[in-house]
């Protein structure tokens, strides 16, 4: 009976009919009208943007229209970049971009450097050759949170709708193969749900659980956006189990290294070996 009651509460609070619709476009280039291309893609699905929809947009396409694509021939590699490139079998110029973008470098493996960027762990500090023109690399948008907010404001101005915006990139998890979605910027809805104090199926109170809603939606979008030549730079999420609000920030999802189970454990382990 408790499980039935909980399901009814979930249905009342969140709804059980979320839809994730891929939005295909032609190739979007620097200085193109990103929002115009996405609105046209929505219309090709014979849909219209509605209040409480969410547009989940690839960070790559945002980087492209914002001019965050770098030609490798314009990059001069430092001595440190050359050393790390030899160690991790990467191009020196690519590593130089990683060093410029990263707040801290921790180490890495072949083809991947683990870095801290904007208080988040990111492979290669978000620098990527994938889905960038030949001999170029894509960087993260300069300020993903502010960019999500500006896109939300532009949607309201052009389409007259209160739509959430999510900027999505790929990430990896410790000891798991493959990439998943991660939220870089969020506007219009709460990115996290605090479950502490709620009761589980057996009536026990939850003590530490928080639900990373934005990252869950980013992974759903990531599945539809794809990783290769799908030409799907965004998805329309309808009926998502989120709380829409006037103002929010991706910072709500971030914690300090001392609170992170991975970072604190690794740092303590490192100190113990010295």
Protein backbone atom coordinates (compact mmCIF):
# COMPACT_ATOMS: atom_id res chain seq x y z
CA UNK A 1 0.00 0.00 0.00
CA UNK A 2 2.88 2.35 0.80
CA UNK A 3 4.35 1.76 -2.67
CA UNK A 4 0.97 2.46 -4.31
CA UNK A 5 0.59 5.68 -2.32
CA UNK A 6 4.10 6.79 -3.26
CA UNK A 7 3.42 6.13 -6.94
CA UNK A 8 0.22 8.18 -6.77
CA UNK A 9 2.11 11.02 -5.12
CA UNK A 10 4.76 10.88 -7.85
CA UNK A 11 2.10 10.94 -10.56
CA UNK A 12 0.38 13.92 -8.94
CA UNK A 13 3.59 15.83 -8.27
CA UNK A 14 5.54 15.11 -11.41
CA UNK A 15 3.41 13.38 -14.05
CA UNK A 16 4.49 10.21 -15.83
CA UNK A 17 4.44 11.27 -19.47
CA UNK A 18 7.84 12.83 -20.19
CA UNK A 19 8.74 12.93 -23.89
CA UNK A 20 12.22 13.51 -25.33
CA UNK A 21 12.11 14.57 -28.98
CA UNK A 22 15.22 14.85 -31.15
CA UNK A 23 15.58 18.10 -33.11
CA UNK A 24 17.50 17.61 -36.34
CA UNK A 25 19.02 20.59 -38.14
CA UNK A 26 21.41 21.34 -40.94
CA UNK A 27 24.99 22.11 -39.95
CA UNK A 28 25.02 25.14 -37.64
CA UNK A 29 28.09 27.34 -38.08
CA UNK A 30 29.67 30.28 -36.26
CA UNK A 31 27.38 33.33 -36.01
CA UNK A 32 24.33 31.36 -37.22
CA UNK A 33 20.93 31.94 -35.63
CA UNK A 34 20.94 28.99 -33.23
CA UNK A 35 17.53 29.63 -31.72
CA UNK A 36 15.96 30.20 -35.14
CA UNK A 37 17.32 26.84 -36.33
CA UNK A 38 15.92 25.09 -33.25
CA UNK A 39 12.49 26.74 -33.57
CA UNK A 40 12.31 25.61 -37.19
CA UNK A 41 13.29 22.08 -36.12
CA UNK A 42 10.44 22.10 -33.58
CA UNK A 43 8.01 23.20 -36.29
CA UNK A 44 9.18 20.39 -38.60
CA UNK A 45 8.03 18.01 -35.85
CA UNK A 46 4.60 19.69 -36.22
CA UNK A 47 4.96 21.01 -32.69
CA UNK A 48 5.00 24.40 -31.03
CA UNK A 49 7.02 25.46 -28.02
CA UNK A 50 4.90 25.46 -24.88
CA UNK A 51 5.36 26.85 -21.40
CA UNK A 52 7.25 24.35 -19.20
CA UNK A 53 9.00 22.69 -22.14
CA UNK A 54 12.78 22.31 -21.84
CA UNK A 55 15.26 22.77 -24.69
CA UNK A 56 18.37 20.69 -24.01
CA UNK A 57 21.13 21.96 -26.28
CA UNK A 58 24.56 20.50 -27.03
CA UNK A 59 27.41 22.57 -25.68
CA UNK A 60 29.20 22.03 -29.02
CA UNK A 61 26.59 23.84 -31.07
CA UNK A 62 26.54 26.70 -28.55
CA UNK A 63 30.35 26.85 -28.72
CA UNK A 64 30.19 26.89 -32.51
CA UNK A 65 27.78 29.83 -32.84
CA UNK A 66 29.69 31.67 -30.09
CA UNK A 67 33.03 31.36 -31.88
CA UNK A 68 34.56 28.95 -29.37
CA UNK A 69 36.13 26.83 -32.13
CA UNK A 70 39.93 27.12 -32.29
CA UNK A 71 42.13 26.35 -35.29
CA UNK A 72 45.02 24.23 -34.10
CA UNK A 73 47.54 26.01 -36.33
CA UNK A 74 46.95 29.20 -34.33
CA UNK A 75 48.05 27.56 -31.06
CA UNK A 76 51.65 27.60 -29.87
CA UNK A 77 52.44 24.75 -27.47
CA UNK A 78 54.37 25.48 -24.27
CA UNK A 79 57.05 23.23 -22.82
CA UNK A 80 54.60 21.81 -20.29
CA UNK A 81 52.07 21.09 -23.03
CA UNK A 82 54.69 19.19 -25.00
CA UNK A 83 55.63 17.13 -21.95
CA UNK A 84 52.03 16.22 -21.17
CA UNK A 85 51.37 15.51 -24.86
CA UNK A 86 54.16 12.93 -24.92
CA UNK A 87 52.91 11.38 -21.68
CA UNK A 88 49.27 11.09 -22.76
CA UNK A 89 49.77 10.65 -26.53
CA UNK A 90 48.00 13.86 -27.49
CA UNK A 91 48.83 16.74 -29.84
CA UNK A 92 50.90 19.43 -28.08
CA UNK A 93 48.62 22.18 -29.40
CA UNK A 94 45.54 20.35 -28.09
CA UNK A 95 47.16 19.98 -24.67
CA UNK A 96 48.04 23.68 -24.69
CA UNK A 97 44.32 24.45 -25.05
CA UNK A 98 43.59 22.07 -22.17
CA UNK A 99 46.11 23.91 -19.98
CA UNK A 100 44.58 27.28 -20.88
CA UNK A 101 41.04 26.09 -20.12
CA UNK A 102 41.77 24.09 -16.96
CA UNK A 103 41.83 25.46 -13.43
CA UNK A 104 43.90 22.47 -12.29
CA UNK A 105 45.42 19.34 -13.85
CA UNK A 106 45.36 16.05 -11.92
CA UNK A 107 46.78 13.47 -14.32
CA UNK A 108 45.35 11.26 -17.02
CA UNK A 109 45.56 8.26 -19.31
CA UNK A 110 46.12 7.80 -23.03
CA UNK A 111 44.19 10.50 -24.95
CA UNK A 112 42.55 11.92 -21.80
CA UNK A 113 43.67 14.41 -19.14
CA UNK A 114 41.66 14.81 -15.95
CA UNK A 115 41.18 18.49 -15.12
CA UNK A 116 39.21 20.78 -12.85
CA UNK A 117 37.22 23.44 -14.70
CA UNK A 118 34.60 25.70 -13.15
CA UNK A 119 34.58 23.53 -10.01
CA UNK A 120 33.77 20.39 -11.99
CA UNK A 121 35.92 17.46 -13.08
CA UNK A 122 36.17 17.46 -16.87
CA UNK A 123 38.13 15.31 -19.29
CA UNK A 124 40.52 17.55 -21.23
CA UNK A 125 38.90 20.56 -19.52
CA UNK A 126 36.07 20.31 -22.04
CA UNK A 127 38.36 20.69 -25.07
CA UNK A 128 37.30 18.29 -27.85
CA UNK A 129 38.07 17.49 -31.48
CA UNK A 130 34.78 15.65 -31.94
CA UNK A 131 32.16 17.43 -34.05
CA UNK A 132 34.54 20.31 -34.68
CA UNK A 133 35.87 21.11 -38.18
CA UNK A 134 39.07 19.39 -39.35
CA UNK A 135 42.21 20.63 -37.58
CA UNK A 136 40.07 22.47 -35.01
CA UNK A 137 39.01 21.94 -31.41
CA UNK A 138 35.84 23.01 -29.63
CA UNK A 139 35.90 24.60 -26.19
CA UNK A 140 33.11 24.86 -23.63
CA UNK A 141 30.93 27.95 -23.98
CA UNK A 142 32.62 30.82 -22.18
CA UNK A 143 29.93 31.02 -19.46
CA UNK A 144 27.46 28.11 -19.86
CA UNK A 145 25.19 29.32 -17.06
CA UNK A 146 24.87 32.84 -18.42
CA UNK A 147 24.42 31.40 -21.93
CA UNK A 148 21.53 29.21 -20.77
CA UNK A 149 19.92 32.26 -19.19
CA UNK A 150 20.36 34.36 -22.33
CA UNK A 151 18.83 31.63 -24.51
CA UNK A 152 15.87 31.37 -22.17
CA UNK A 153 15.35 35.14 -22.36
CA UNK A 154 15.62 35.04 -26.16
CA UNK A 155 13.04 32.25 -26.40
CA UNK A 156 10.60 34.25 -24.31
CA UNK A 157 11.15 37.31 -26.48
CA UNK A 158 10.84 35.52 -29.83
CA UNK A 159 8.35 32.76 -29.04
CA UNK A 160 6.51 34.21 -26.05
CA UNK A 161 6.98 31.06 -24.00
CA UNK A 162 8.50 30.28 -20.59
CA UNK A 163 10.80 27.44 -21.62
CA UNK A 164 13.60 25.91 -19.59
CA UNK A 165 17.06 25.65 -21.12
CA UNK A 166 19.73 23.04 -20.45
CA UNK A 167 23.24 23.11 -21.94
CA UNK A 168 24.56 19.56 -22.20
CA UNK A 169 28.03 18.06 -22.56
CA UNK A 170 29.50 14.57 -22.29
CA UNK A 171 31.15 13.26 -19.14
CA UNK A 172 32.48 10.01 -17.72
CA UNK A 173 32.06 8.36 -14.32
CA UNK A 174 34.81 6.59 -12.32
CA UNK A 175 35.26 2.95 -13.32
CA UNK A 176 32.48 3.10 -15.92
CA UNK A 177 33.03 2.77 -19.67
CA UNK A 178 31.48 5.33 -21.99
CA UNK A 179 30.09 8.83 -21.82
CA UNK A 180 26.90 10.18 -20.33
CA UNK A 181 25.27 13.59 -20.24
CA UNK A 182 26.14 16.32 -17.78
CA UNK A 183 24.53 19.72 -17.30
CA UNK A 184 26.79 22.75 -17.79
CA UNK A 185 24.14 25.44 -17.53
CA UNK A 186 20.47 25.47 -16.56
CA UNK A 187 17.77 28.12 -16.68
CA UNK A 188 14.10 28.09 -15.76
CA UNK A 189 13.90 25.04 -13.48
CA UNK A 190 15.48 23.68 -10.32
CA UNK A 191 18.51 21.56 -11.28
CA UNK A 192 18.44 19.48 -8.10
CA UNK A 193 15.80 18.03 -5.79
CA UNK A 194 16.66 17.66 -2.10
CA UNK A 195 15.22 14.36 -0.87
CA UNK A 196 16.50 14.63 2.69
CA UNK A 197 13.76 14.13 5.22
CA UNK A 198 11.52 12.17 2.85
CA UNK A 199 10.67 8.54 3.61
CA UNK A 200 11.70 5.51 1.60
CA UNK A 201 9.45 2.52 0.82
CA UNK A 202 9.95 1.18 4.35
CA UNK A 203 9.36 4.47 6.12
CA UNK A 204 13.00 5.25 6.84
CA UNK A 205 14.03 8.92 6.50
CA UNK A 206 16.50 9.81 3.74
CA UNK A 207 19.58 11.39 5.27
CA UNK A 208 21.90 12.48 2.45
CA UNK A 209 20.10 11.84 -0.85
CA UNK A 210 19.83 14.64 -3.36
CA UNK A 211 18.53 14.03 -6.87
CA UNK A 212 20.61 15.52 -9.71
CA UNK A 213 17.61 16.32 -11.90
CA UNK A 214 19.50 18.42 -14.46
CA UNK A 215 22.12 15.72 -14.98
CA UNK A 216 19.41 13.08 -15.42
CA UNK A 217 17.75 15.20 -18.08
CA UNK A 218 21.16 15.87 -19.65
CA UNK A 219 21.72 12.12 -19.96
CA UNK A 220 18.29 11.63 -21.57
CA UNK A 221 19.15 14.40 -24.03
CA UNK A 222 22.65 13.00 -24.56
CA UNK A 223 21.14 9.68 -25.66
CA UNK A 224 19.06 11.41 -28.34
CA UNK A 225 21.68 13.95 -29.43
CA UNK A 226 24.19 11.20 -30.18
CA UNK A 227 27.95 11.38 -30.47
CA UNK A 228 28.78 11.21 -34.16
CA UNK A 229 27.11 12.66 -37.29
CA UNK A 230 23.48 12.56 -36.19
CA UNK A 231 22.92 16.32 -36.84
CA UNK A 232 20.83 16.44 -33.67
CA UNK A 233 22.19 19.39 -31.67
CA UNK A 234 19.22 19.62 -29.30
CA UNK A 235 16.16 17.86 -27.96
CA UNK A 236 12.77 19.08 -26.80
CA UNK A 237 11.82 17.67 -23.40
CA UNK A 238 8.13 17.83 -22.59
CA UNK A 239 6.46 16.84 -19.33
CA UNK A 240 9.72 16.66 -17.36
CA UNK A 241 9.47 16.01 -13.59
CA UNK A 242 10.96 19.36 -12.60
CA UNK A 243 10.06 22.44 -10.61
CA UNK A 244 9.96 25.55 -12.80
CA UNK A 245 11.29 28.69 -11.16
CA UNK A 246 12.14 32.23 -12.17
CA UNK A 247 15.83 32.10 -11.26
CA UNK A 248 18.28 29.27 -10.67
CA UNK A 249 21.91 28.29 -11.32
CA UNK A 250 24.04 25.26 -12.04
CA UNK A 251 26.00 26.25 -8.91
CA UNK A 252 23.23 24.61 -6.88
CA UNK A 253 24.64 21.25 -8.05
CA UNK A 254 28.26 21.91 -7.19
CA UNK A 255 30.02 20.91 -3.99
CA UNK A 256 33.50 21.59 -2.64
CA UNK A 257 36.29 19.01 -3.01
CA UNK A 258 36.12 18.39 0.75
CA UNK A 259 32.48 17.31 0.40
CA UNK A 260 33.05 15.14 -2.69
CA UNK A 261 33.55 11.44 -1.91
CA UNK A 262 35.93 10.99 -4.86
CA UNK A 263 38.01 14.14 -4.50
CA UNK A 264 38.42 13.93 -0.74
CA UNK A 265 39.32 10.24 -0.87
CA UNK A 266 41.85 10.75 -3.68
CA UNK A 267 43.49 13.70 -1.93
CA UNK A 268 43.76 11.84 1.36
CA UNK A 269 45.18 8.81 -0.44
CA UNK A 270 47.73 10.97 -2.22
CA UNK A 271 48.84 12.63 1.00
CA UNK A 272 49.18 9.22 2.61
CA UNK A 273 51.65 8.03 -0.03
CA UNK A 274 54.03 10.98 0.30
